[in-house]
């Protein structure tokens, strides 16, 4: 457990005050077999369960009976056969006491508690399930078919959980910065290994091993590719090529499941070409622009659009875009080059709380998601709050299939110079990403050591490599 039991008790007390009545169910995760039942990869607890209980053991369910002022930790104690293979573990009663929960019970008691509450006409609150074993269990307990469980999940509970988890405490920030320290080692190692002839998979495997060697894990499957124009370009066996760029998007997740998420784009031979410098300088400026304008009360939507306008202005200087900047951005022409959102919340999930429903996490009555290509990938638009952690990740990409599609259909031909754009089809893509904390007066980058990202710093770092 990362915190003392008083922390988890206080979180659940606040949850009860916000939800007000009914029976709250918080499901922990079960083991997830890979290709046969006994072959289980590293266990990952559900983030919301972990937030409110702090326990990493599989097969647990938290029950909060608001009306009767009772809390339970439900789960079966392991038997002697499990002890032979995995060793002794604390009893469920001991785990409950550690989390400040007064009552514990075996799993068969869960059905009794739910049946009693339903008979009394009380509301059963649960979060949207995302694992199929939990969906089946929830159907058995409530009669709600898996196809309806997300829409019937408790909005009161969803909003209460988001309200708490979105604002990070100083202790949580410390844990995120532990993840950032591992991420720093991962990314600087990738930069040191980046040279012609080394395979993408070798570098990705090496940096993933850094997280594993520290008892941790990656916060998502590492993205590492010369084809930076592919948003999720996972590593292939191909060797890196002289003159191209390597995009590495990777992060670490601590033992307590707090995450980091950074992206760097590195010249494979150690030096940017003139054309690469032109595009990189725009992404660099957009990244730093966020640091200047992100602060409490500012809509993340407006930060995203401000970056889109800056990017459009700079692309116009290169001749890749044209026309009125405001009109181009309003019509979404910039999405040819920037087809994703500027950033997302981050915490115990690298896309924090995304499983609870992005329209609740990142949007509200004031700011609603867009359906426009590119902007529809913006995962957050609402006003920033002190204590939020966001990713700052602008990028510019040259996607051949998208270029062909828009050119053939004349999409945004008044804003895009397709003749010049044709000459960039073999460029790839550039993204720079860091994690930022929204402070009382602005924001700051997380991590005590900075992964080089200014062009001169990148080239200097590459020149000083010793391995």
Protein backbone atom coordinates (compact mmCIF):
# COMPACT_ATOMS: atom_id res chain seq x y z
CA UNK A 1 0.00 0.00 0.00
CA UNK A 2 1.30 3.41 -0.97
CA UNK A 3 -0.56 5.40 1.70
CA UNK A 4 -1.74 4.80 5.26
CA UNK A 5 -5.23 3.46 5.92
CA UNK A 6 -6.48 6.90 6.96
CA UNK A 7 -5.93 8.12 3.38
CA UNK A 8 -8.08 5.35 1.92
CA UNK A 9 -10.72 5.80 4.62
CA UNK A 10 -10.91 9.52 3.87
CA UNK A 11 -11.27 8.84 0.14
CA UNK A 12 -14.15 6.42 0.71
CA UNK A 13 -15.82 8.81 3.17
CA UNK A 14 -15.73 11.54 0.55
CA UNK A 15 -17.11 9.09 -2.00
CA UNK A 16 -20.04 8.28 0.29
CA UNK A 17 -20.81 11.96 0.77
CA UNK A 18 -20.86 12.54 -2.97
CA UNK A 19 -22.90 9.48 -3.98
CA UNK A 20 -25.23 10.01 -0.95
CA UNK A 21 -27.22 6.76 -0.95
CA UNK A 22 -27.31 3.16 -2.12
CA UNK A 23 -24.77 0.35 -2.37
CA UNK A 24 -21.42 1.03 -4.06
CA UNK A 25 -19.55 -1.85 -5.72
CA UNK A 26 -15.88 -1.37 -6.59
CA UNK A 27 -14.51 -4.42 -8.38
CA UNK A 28 -10.85 -5.29 -8.20
CA UNK A 29 -9.36 -7.22 -11.11
CA UNK A 30 -8.85 -10.95 -11.42
CA UNK A 31 -5.82 -12.58 -12.99
CA UNK A 32 -5.83 -12.36 -16.80
CA UNK A 33 -4.47 -15.53 -18.43
CA UNK A 34 -2.58 -15.14 -21.68
CA UNK A 35 -2.87 -18.37 -23.68
CA UNK A 36 -3.85 -20.94 -21.01
CA UNK A 37 -5.15 -20.59 -17.43
CA UNK A 38 -1.86 -20.90 -15.56
CA UNK A 39 0.12 -18.62 -17.88
CA UNK A 40 -0.66 -15.28 -16.27
CA UNK A 41 1.36 -12.18 -17.08
CA UNK A 42 2.14 -9.49 -14.54
CA UNK A 43 -1.00 -8.67 -12.56
CA UNK A 44 -2.51 -5.20 -12.83
CA UNK A 45 -5.09 -4.05 -10.28
CA UNK A 46 -8.05 -1.90 -11.31
CA UNK A 47 -7.06 1.72 -10.77
CA UNK A 48 -10.22 2.89 -9.01
CA UNK A 49 -10.20 -0.09 -6.67
CA UNK A 50 -6.54 0.62 -5.93
CA UNK A 51 -7.29 4.29 -5.34
CA UNK A 52 -9.92 3.57 -2.69
CA UNK A 53 -8.43 0.44 -1.07
CA UNK A 54 -4.71 0.33 -1.86
CA UNK A 55 -4.68 -3.47 -2.22
CA UNK A 56 -3.03 -5.27 -5.12
CA UNK A 57 -4.40 -8.78 -4.49
CA UNK A 58 -6.61 -10.25 -7.20
CA UNK A 59 -10.20 -11.37 -6.69
CA UNK A 60 -11.44 -8.63 -4.35
CA UNK A 61 -14.55 -6.46 -4.36
CA UNK A 62 -15.13 -3.39 -2.21
CA UNK A 63 -18.70 -2.84 -1.00
CA UNK A 64 -19.80 0.43 0.57
CA UNK A 65 -23.30 0.36 2.07
CA UNK A 66 -23.97 4.08 2.41
CA UNK A 67 -27.43 3.74 3.96
CA UNK A 68 -26.39 1.33 6.71
CA UNK A 69 -22.95 2.89 7.32
CA UNK A 70 -21.08 -0.36 6.62
CA UNK A 71 -18.11 -1.21 4.46
CA UNK A 72 -16.94 -4.65 3.34
CA UNK A 73 -13.93 -6.12 1.59
CA UNK A 74 -15.17 -9.21 -0.19
CA UNK A 75 -12.91 -12.04 -1.35
CA UNK A 76 -11.92 -15.63 -0.73
CA UNK A 77 -8.85 -16.54 1.28
CA UNK A 78 -6.35 -18.65 -0.62
CA UNK A 79 -6.11 -22.37 0.15
CA UNK A 80 -3.14 -24.61 0.88
CA UNK A 81 -2.68 -25.52 -2.78
CA UNK A 82 -2.23 -21.84 -3.68
CA UNK A 83 0.16 -21.42 -0.75
CA UNK A 84 2.30 -24.31 -2.07
CA UNK A 85 2.71 -22.56 -5.44
CA UNK A 86 2.65 -18.89 -4.53
CA UNK A 87 3.42 -18.65 -0.82
CA UNK A 88 1.31 -17.37 2.06
CA UNK A 89 -0.50 -14.06 1.74
CA UNK A 90 -2.51 -11.93 4.14
CA UNK A 91 -6.09 -12.99 4.80
CA UNK A 92 -8.93 -10.91 3.40
CA UNK A 93 -9.70 -9.80 6.96
CA UNK A 94 -6.12 -8.56 7.34
CA UNK A 95 -6.30 -6.75 4.01
CA UNK A 96 -9.54 -5.10 5.09
CA UNK A 97 -7.97 -3.90 8.33
CA UNK A 98 -4.99 -2.49 6.44
CA UNK A 99 -7.40 -0.45 4.28
CA UNK A 100 -9.47 0.75 7.23
CA UNK A 101 -12.46 -1.46 6.34
CA UNK A 102 -14.33 -2.92 9.32
CA UNK A 103 -15.98 -5.95 7.70
CA UNK A 104 -14.73 -8.72 5.42
CA UNK A 105 -16.52 -11.70 3.91
CA UNK A 106 -16.07 -14.48 1.34
CA UNK A 107 -17.21 -13.91 -2.23
CA UNK A 108 -20.50 -15.78 -1.81
CA UNK A 109 -21.64 -13.03 0.58
CA UNK A 110 -21.61 -10.50 -2.26
CA UNK A 111 -24.75 -11.92 -3.87
CA UNK A 112 -26.55 -11.78 -0.53
CA UNK A 113 -25.68 -8.10 0.00
CA UNK A 114 -26.77 -7.14 -3.51
CA UNK A 115 -29.99 -9.18 -3.40
CA UNK A 116 -30.94 -7.57 -0.10
CA UNK A 117 -30.31 -4.07 -1.44
CA UNK A 118 -32.28 -4.75 -4.63
CA UNK A 119 -35.20 -6.16 -2.64
CA UNK A 120 -35.28 -2.92 -0.66
CA UNK A 121 -35.37 -0.89 -3.86
CA UNK A 122 -31.96 0.65 -3.24
CA UNK A 123 -29.67 1.71 -6.08
CA UNK A 124 -26.66 -0.43 -6.91
CA UNK A 125 -23.78 1.79 -8.01
CA UNK A 126 -21.02 0.33 -10.19
CA UNK A 127 -18.43 1.68 -12.61
CA UNK A 128 -18.39 0.68 -16.31
CA UNK A 129 -16.72 -2.75 -16.47
CA UNK A 130 -14.03 -3.36 -19.08
CA UNK A 131 -13.06 -6.99 -18.44
CA UNK A 132 -15.35 -9.75 -19.61
CA UNK A 133 -15.05 -11.86 -16.44
CA UNK A 134 -16.34 -8.90 -14.44
CA UNK A 135 -19.14 -8.36 -16.94
CA UNK A 136 -20.29 -11.95 -16.45
CA UNK A 137 -20.03 -11.63 -12.66
CA UNK A 138 -21.98 -8.39 -12.72
CA UNK A 139 -24.68 -9.99 -14.89
CA UNK A 140 -24.98 -12.89 -12.44
CA UNK A 141 -25.28 -10.47 -9.52
CA UNK A 142 -27.61 -7.87 -11.01
CA UNK A 143 -29.24 -9.43 -14.06
CA UNK A 144 -27.90 -6.61 -16.27
CA UNK A 145 -26.64 -7.98 -19.58
CA UNK A 146 -23.05 -6.97 -20.52
CA UNK A 147 -24.38 -5.10 -23.56
CA UNK A 148 -26.19 -2.69 -21.21
CA UNK A 149 -23.71 -2.43 -18.35
CA UNK A 150 -21.83 0.63 -19.55
CA UNK A 151 -25.03 2.64 -20.05
CA UNK A 152 -26.45 1.46 -16.72
CA UNK A 153 -23.29 2.21 -14.74
CA UNK A 154 -23.85 4.80 -12.02
CA UNK A 155 -23.28 8.33 -13.27
CA UNK A 156 -23.21 9.55 -9.66
CA UNK A 157 -20.36 7.15 -8.88
CA UNK A 158 -18.52 7.90 -12.12
CA UNK A 159 -18.55 11.65 -11.50
CA UNK A 160 -17.56 11.26 -7.84
CA UNK A 161 -14.58 9.07 -8.75
CA UNK A 162 -13.46 11.47 -11.49
CA UNK A 163 -13.79 14.43 -9.14
CA UNK A 164 -11.40 12.81 -6.65
CA UNK A 165 -8.91 11.11 -8.93
CA UNK A 166 -8.43 14.07 -11.29
CA UNK A 167 -6.78 16.28 -8.65
CA UNK A 168 -3.47 14.77 -7.57
CA UNK A 169 -2.15 15.20 -4.04
CA UNK A 170 1.51 16.08 -3.43
CA UNK A 171 2.15 12.43 -2.48
CA UNK A 172 0.66 11.28 -5.78
CA UNK A 173 2.83 13.77 -7.68
CA UNK A 174 5.89 12.32 -5.95
CA UNK A 175 4.90 8.87 -7.20
CA UNK A 176 4.34 10.16 -10.74
CA UNK A 177 7.78 11.73 -10.63
CA UNK A 178 9.22 8.32 -9.67
CA UNK A 179 7.68 7.06 -12.89
CA UNK A 180 9.17 10.06 -14.71
CA UNK A 181 12.63 9.17 -13.41
CA UNK A 182 12.32 5.68 -14.88
CA UNK A 183 10.94 7.20 -18.08
CA UNK A 184 13.97 9.49 -18.27
CA UNK A 185 16.30 6.49 -18.13
CA UNK A 186 14.21 4.68 -20.76
CA UNK A 187 14.23 7.57 -23.22
CA UNK A 188 17.86 8.55 -22.81
CA UNK A 189 18.80 4.88 -23.30
CA UNK A 190 16.74 4.80 -26.50
CA UNK A 191 18.57 7.91 -27.72
CA UNK A 192 21.97 6.38 -26.92
CA UNK A 193 21.08 3.19 -28.81
CA UNK A 194 19.62 5.07 -31.78
CA UNK A 195 21.96 4.60 -34.74
CA UNK A 196 21.82 3.06 -38.22
CA UNK A 197 21.58 -0.73 -38.24
CA UNK A 198 20.07 -1.19 -34.76
CA UNK A 199 16.57 -2.67 -34.90
CA UNK A 200 13.46 -0.96 -33.60
CA UNK A 201 12.57 -4.05 -31.56
CA UNK A 202 15.99 -4.17 -29.91
CA UNK A 203 15.70 -0.61 -28.65
CA UNK A 204 12.07 -1.01 -27.57
CA UNK A 205 12.85 -4.25 -25.76
CA UNK A 206 15.85 -2.75 -24.03
CA UNK A 207 13.95 0.23 -22.64
CA UNK A 208 10.98 -1.92 -21.59
CA UNK A 209 13.50 -4.03 -19.68
CA UNK A 210 14.58 -0.95 -17.73
CA UNK A 211 11.07 -0.67 -16.28
CA UNK A 212 10.98 -4.41 -15.54
CA UNK A 213 14.40 -4.32 -13.90
CA UNK A 214 13.06 -1.79 -11.41
CA UNK A 215 10.16 -4.08 -10.54
CA UNK A 216 7.80 -1.94 -12.58
CA UNK A 217 6.22 -2.12 -16.01
CA UNK A 218 5.67 0.06 -19.04
CA UNK A 219 2.58 2.27 -18.77
CA UNK A 220 1.53 1.19 -22.29
CA UNK A 221 3.12 -0.88 -25.09
CA UNK A 222 6.14 1.07 -26.31
CA UNK A 223 5.71 2.92 -29.61
CA UNK A 224 9.04 3.06 -31.47
CA UNK A 225 9.36 3.43 -35.20
CA UNK A 226 11.02 5.21 -38.11
CA UNK A 227 7.44 5.62 -39.35
CA UNK A 228 6.55 8.32 -36.88
CA UNK A 229 3.58 9.25 -39.05
CA UNK A 230 1.83 6.12 -37.71
CA UNK A 231 0.27 7.17 -34.40
CA UNK A 232 0.77 3.75 -32.82
CA UNK A 233 3.81 2.58 -34.75
CA UNK A 234 4.87 -0.44 -32.75
CA UNK A 235 8.47 -1.66 -33.17
CA UNK A 236 9.33 -3.97 -36.03
CA UNK A 237 12.46 -6.05 -36.73
CA UNK A 238 13.62 -3.52 -39.34
CA UNK A 239 16.99 -1.83 -38.75
CA UNK A 240 17.13 1.93 -38.33
CA UNK A 241 18.22 3.82 -41.46
CA UNK A 242 20.66 6.68 -41.86
CA UNK A 243 19.01 10.05 -42.45
CA UNK A 244 15.64 9.14 -40.98
CA UNK A 245 14.01 9.94 -37.63
CA UNK A 246 13.15 7.56 -34.80
CA UNK A 247 9.97 8.39 -32.84
CA UNK A 248 9.85 6.82 -29.37
CA UNK A 249 6.68 7.14 -27.25
CA UNK A 250 7.15 5.29 -23.98
CA UNK A 251 6.45 5.50 -20.29
CA UNK A 252 6.92 3.70 -17.00
CA UNK A 253 4.39 2.60 -14.40
CA UNK A 254 5.50 2.27 -10.78
CA UNK A 255 4.66 -0.60 -8.46
CA UNK A 256 1.77 1.53 -7.21
CA UNK A 257 0.62 2.03 -10.82
CA UNK A 258 1.32 5.73 -11.31
CA UNK A 259 2.48 6.51 -14.84
CA UNK A 260 4.75 8.60 -17.00
CA UNK A 261 4.38 9.23 -20.72
CA UNK A 262 6.99 10.94 -22.91
CA UNK A 263 7.79 11.10 -26.61
CA UNK A 264 11.04 12.03 -28.28
CA UNK A 265 11.95 12.14 -31.95
CA UNK A 266 15.64 11.52 -32.62
CA UNK A 267 17.73 11.79 -35.80
CA UNK A 268 19.10 8.29 -36.33
CA UNK A 269 22.54 9.49 -37.44
CA UNK A 270 22.69 12.11 -34.69
CA UNK A 271 22.10 15.21 -36.84
CA UNK A 272 18.87 16.78 -38.10
CA UNK A 273 18.66 17.60 -41.79
CA UNK A 274 17.59 21.10 -42.79
CA UNK A 275 14.07 19.88 -43.64
CA UNK A 276 13.82 17.96 -40.37
CA UNK A 277 14.89 21.05 -38.45
CA UNK A 278 12.17 23.10 -40.14
CA UNK A 279 9.42 20.75 -39.00
CA UNK A 280 10.95 19.92 -35.62
CA UNK A 281 11.22 23.61 -34.74
CA UNK A 282 7.46 24.01 -35.21
CA UNK A 283 6.65 21.08 -32.91
CA UNK A 284 9.17 22.36 -30.38
CA UNK A 285 7.55 25.81 -30.40
CA UNK A 286 4.07 24.31 -30.00
CA UNK A 287 5.24 22.17 -27.07
CA UNK A 288 6.74 25.18 -25.28
CA UNK A 289 3.70 27.34 -26.09
CA UNK A 290 1.61 25.02 -23.90
CA UNK A 291 3.95 25.66 -20.97
CA UNK A 292 3.32 29.38 -21.38
CA UNK A 293 -0.49 29.34 -21.51
CA UNK A 294 -1.76 26.30 -19.55
CA UNK A 295 -3.08 27.34 -16.14
CA UNK A 296 -6.12 26.86 -13.88
CA UNK A 297 -9.36 28.13 -15.41
CA UNK A 298 -8.14 27.93 -19.00
CA UNK A 299 -10.00 25.45 -21.20
CA UNK A 300 -7.74 22.70 -22.51
CA UNK A 301 -9.79 23.04 -25.70
CA UNK A 302 -8.46 26.60 -26.06
CA UNK A 303 -4.89 25.45 -25.42
CA UNK A 304 -5.27 22.83 -28.16
CA UNK A 305 -6.68 25.39 -30.61
CA UNK A 306 -3.98 27.91 -29.77
CA UNK A 307 -1.38 25.28 -30.64
CA UNK A 308 -3.26 24.49 -33.86
CA UNK A 309 -3.16 28.18 -34.87
CA UNK A 310 0.56 28.49 -34.08
CA UNK A 311 1.26 25.32 -36.05
CA UNK A 312 -0.77 26.58 -39.02
CA UNK A 313 1.05 29.92 -39.05
CA UNK A 314 4.42 28.20 -39.04
CA UNK A 315 3.39 25.71 -41.74
CA UNK A 316 2.25 28.64 -43.86
CA UNK A 317 5.77 30.10 -43.55
CA UNK A 318 7.09 26.86 -45.06
CA UNK A 319 4.47 26.96 -47.82
CA UNK A 320 2.72 23.78 -46.71
CA UNK A 321 -0.44 25.65 -45.67
CA UNK A 322 -2.07 28.80 -46.95
CA UNK A 323 -5.10 31.04 -46.52
CA UNK A 324 -6.62 32.54 -43.40
CA UNK A 325 -5.33 30.85 -40.25
CA UNK A 326 -8.52 31.18 -38.22
CA UNK A 327 -10.64 29.81 -41.03
CA UNK A 328 -8.20 26.96 -41.66
CA UNK A 329 -8.26 25.87 -38.03
CA UNK A 330 -12.02 26.34 -37.72
CA UNK A 331 -12.47 24.01 -40.70
CA UNK A 332 -9.96 21.47 -39.37
CA UNK A 333 -7.41 21.78 -42.17
CA UNK A 334 -4.54 21.58 -39.64
CA UNK A 335 -5.58 17.99 -38.90
CA UNK A 336 -3.78 16.92 -42.06
CA UNK A 337 -0.61 17.44 -40.03
CA UNK A 338 -1.95 17.18 -36.45
CA UNK A 339 -4.71 14.51 -36.41
CA UNK A 340 -4.80 13.89 -32.66
CA UNK A 341 -5.49 15.78 -29.45
CA UNK A 342 -2.89 17.91 -27.71
CA UNK A 343 -2.88 15.76 -24.58
CA UNK A 344 -4.79 13.81 -21.98
CA UNK A 345 -5.05 13.49 -18.21
CA UNK A 346 -2.53 11.14 -16.63
CA UNK A 347 -2.22 9.46 -13.25
CA UNK A 348 -2.86 5.85 -12.27
CA UNK A 349 -3.86 5.25 -15.89
CA UNK A 350 -1.71 6.66 -18.63
CA UNK A 351 -4.97 7.90 -20.17
CA UNK A 352 -6.33 8.67 -16.75
CA UNK A 353 -9.81 7.27 -16.04
CA UNK A 354 -10.56 6.83 -19.74
CA UNK A 355 -12.45 3.63 -18.91
CA UNK A 356 -15.02 5.69 -17.01
CA UNK A 357 -16.10 7.45 -20.20
CA UNK A 358 -14.12 10.18 -21.89
CA UNK A 359 -17.13 12.50 -22.16
CA UNK A 360 -17.26 12.55 -18.35
CA UNK A 361 -13.51 12.71 -17.72
CA UNK A 362 -12.54 15.37 -20.23
CA UNK A 363 -15.73 17.24 -21.01
CA UNK A 364 -18.69 18.88 -19.29
CA UNK A 365 -21.74 21.03 -20.01
CA UNK A 366 -19.51 23.90 -21.15
CA UNK A 367 -17.25 21.93 -23.49
CA UNK A 368 -18.46 18.95 -25.50
CA UNK A 369 -16.43 16.58 -27.72
CA UNK A 370 -16.09 17.42 -31.40
CA UNK A 371 -16.99 15.17 -34.33
CA UNK A 372 -14.54 16.96 -36.66
CA UNK A 373 -11.67 14.83 -37.96
CA UNK A 374 -8.62 15.32 -35.73
CA UNK A 375 -10.38 17.36 -33.08
CA UNK A 376 -12.55 14.32 -32.35
CA UNK A 377 -9.40 12.73 -30.89
CA UNK A 378 -9.01 15.46 -28.25
CA UNK A 379 -9.51 13.56 -24.98
CA UNK A 380 -10.01 16.60 -22.77
CA UNK A 381 -11.48 20.03 -23.40
CA UNK A 382 -12.73 21.37 -20.07
CA UNK A 383 -11.18 23.99 -17.81
CA UNK A 384 -7.92 23.03 -16.16
CA UNK A 385 -7.72 22.74 -12.38
CA UNK A 386 -4.79 22.98 -10.01
CA UNK A 387 -3.47 19.50 -9.32
CA UNK A 388 -4.33 18.02 -12.71
CA UNK A 389 -1.60 16.19 -14.61
CA UNK A 390 -1.79 16.52 -18.39
CA UNK A 391 0.38 15.42 -21.28
CA UNK A 392 1.69 18.10 -23.64
CA UNK A 393 2.20 16.31 -26.96
CA UNK A 394 1.92 18.26 -30.20
CA UNK A 395 3.09 16.58 -33.37
CA UNK A 396 3.37 16.99 -37.12
CA UNK A 397 2.93 13.96 -39.36
CA UNK A 398 3.04 13.30 -43.09
CA UNK A 399 0.67 10.38 -43.70
CA UNK A 400 0.80 9.30 -47.37
CA UNK A 401 -2.65 7.70 -47.42
CA UNK A 402 -4.25 10.79 -45.84
CA UNK A 403 -2.45 13.08 -48.29
CA UNK A 404 -3.73 11.00 -51.23
CA UNK A 405 -7.26 10.90 -49.82
CA UNK A 406 -7.59 14.63 -49.25
CA UNK A 407 -5.82 15.57 -52.48
CA UNK A 408 -8.03 13.32 -54.62
CA UNK A 409 -11.19 14.72 -53.05
CA UNK A 410 -10.03 18.32 -52.89
CA UNK A 411 -10.47 18.42 -49.10
CA UNK A 412 -9.18 21.72 -47.69
CA UNK A 413 -7.50 22.58 -51.00
CA UNK A 414 -7.85 26.26 -50.10
CA UNK A 415 -5.62 25.77 -47.06
CA UNK A 416 -3.13 23.06 -48.07
CA UNK A 417 -0.43 23.19 -50.75
CA UNK A 418 -0.71 19.62 -51.99
CA UNK A 419 2.03 19.99 -54.62
CA UNK A 420 4.63 20.79 -51.97
CA UNK A 421 3.11 18.30 -49.54
CA UNK A 422 3.73 15.50 -52.07
CA UNK A 423 7.47 15.98 -51.55
CA UNK A 424 7.13 15.21 -47.81
CA UNK A 425 5.54 11.77 -48.17
CA UNK A 426 8.72 10.01 -47.08
CA UNK A 427 9.32 12.32 -44.09
CA UNK A 428 7.63 10.37 -41.27
CA UNK A 429 6.47 12.26 -38.23
CA UNK A 430 7.64 14.26 -35.21
CA UNK A 431 6.10 14.36 -31.75
CA UNK A 432 7.44 15.83 -28.51
CA UNK A 433 5.63 14.88 -25.32
CA UNK A 434 6.06 15.69 -21.66
CA UNK A 435 3.94 15.43 -18.53
CA UNK A 436 2.87 18.69 -16.91
CA UNK A 437 1.34 19.55 -13.54
CA UNK A 438 -1.19 22.38 -13.42
CA UNK A 439 -0.07 24.63 -10.56
CA UNK A 440 -1.76 27.56 -8.81
CA UNK A 441 -0.31 30.08 -11.27
CA UNK A 442 0.49 28.06 -14.38
CA UNK A 443 2.10 24.69 -14.99
CA UNK A 444 5.41 22.90 -14.73
CA UNK A 445 6.99 19.89 -16.36
CA UNK A 446 7.16 16.78 -14.20
CA UNK A 447 10.36 14.85 -13.68
CA UNK A 448 13.49 16.11 -11.96
CA UNK A 449 15.68 15.36 -15.00
CA UNK A 450 14.82 16.60 -18.46
CA UNK A 451 14.95 14.28 -21.44
CA UNK A 452 16.69 16.36 -24.15
CA UNK A 453 14.24 17.77 -26.67
CA UNK A 454 15.56 21.14 -27.90
CA UNK A 455 17.33 20.42 -31.20
CA UNK A 456 20.78 21.58 -30.16
CA UNK A 457 20.50 19.60 -26.90
CA UNK A 458 19.45 16.48 -28.81
CA UNK A 459 22.36 16.74 -31.22
CA UNK A 460 24.80 17.40 -28.38
CA UNK A 461 23.47 14.38 -26.45
CA UNK A 462 23.81 12.18 -29.55
CA UNK A 463 27.35 13.39 -30.15
CA UNK A 464 28.39 12.47 -26.61
CA UNK A 465 27.11 8.87 -26.74
CA UNK A 466 29.69 6.35 -25.64
CA UNK A 467 27.94 3.07 -26.46
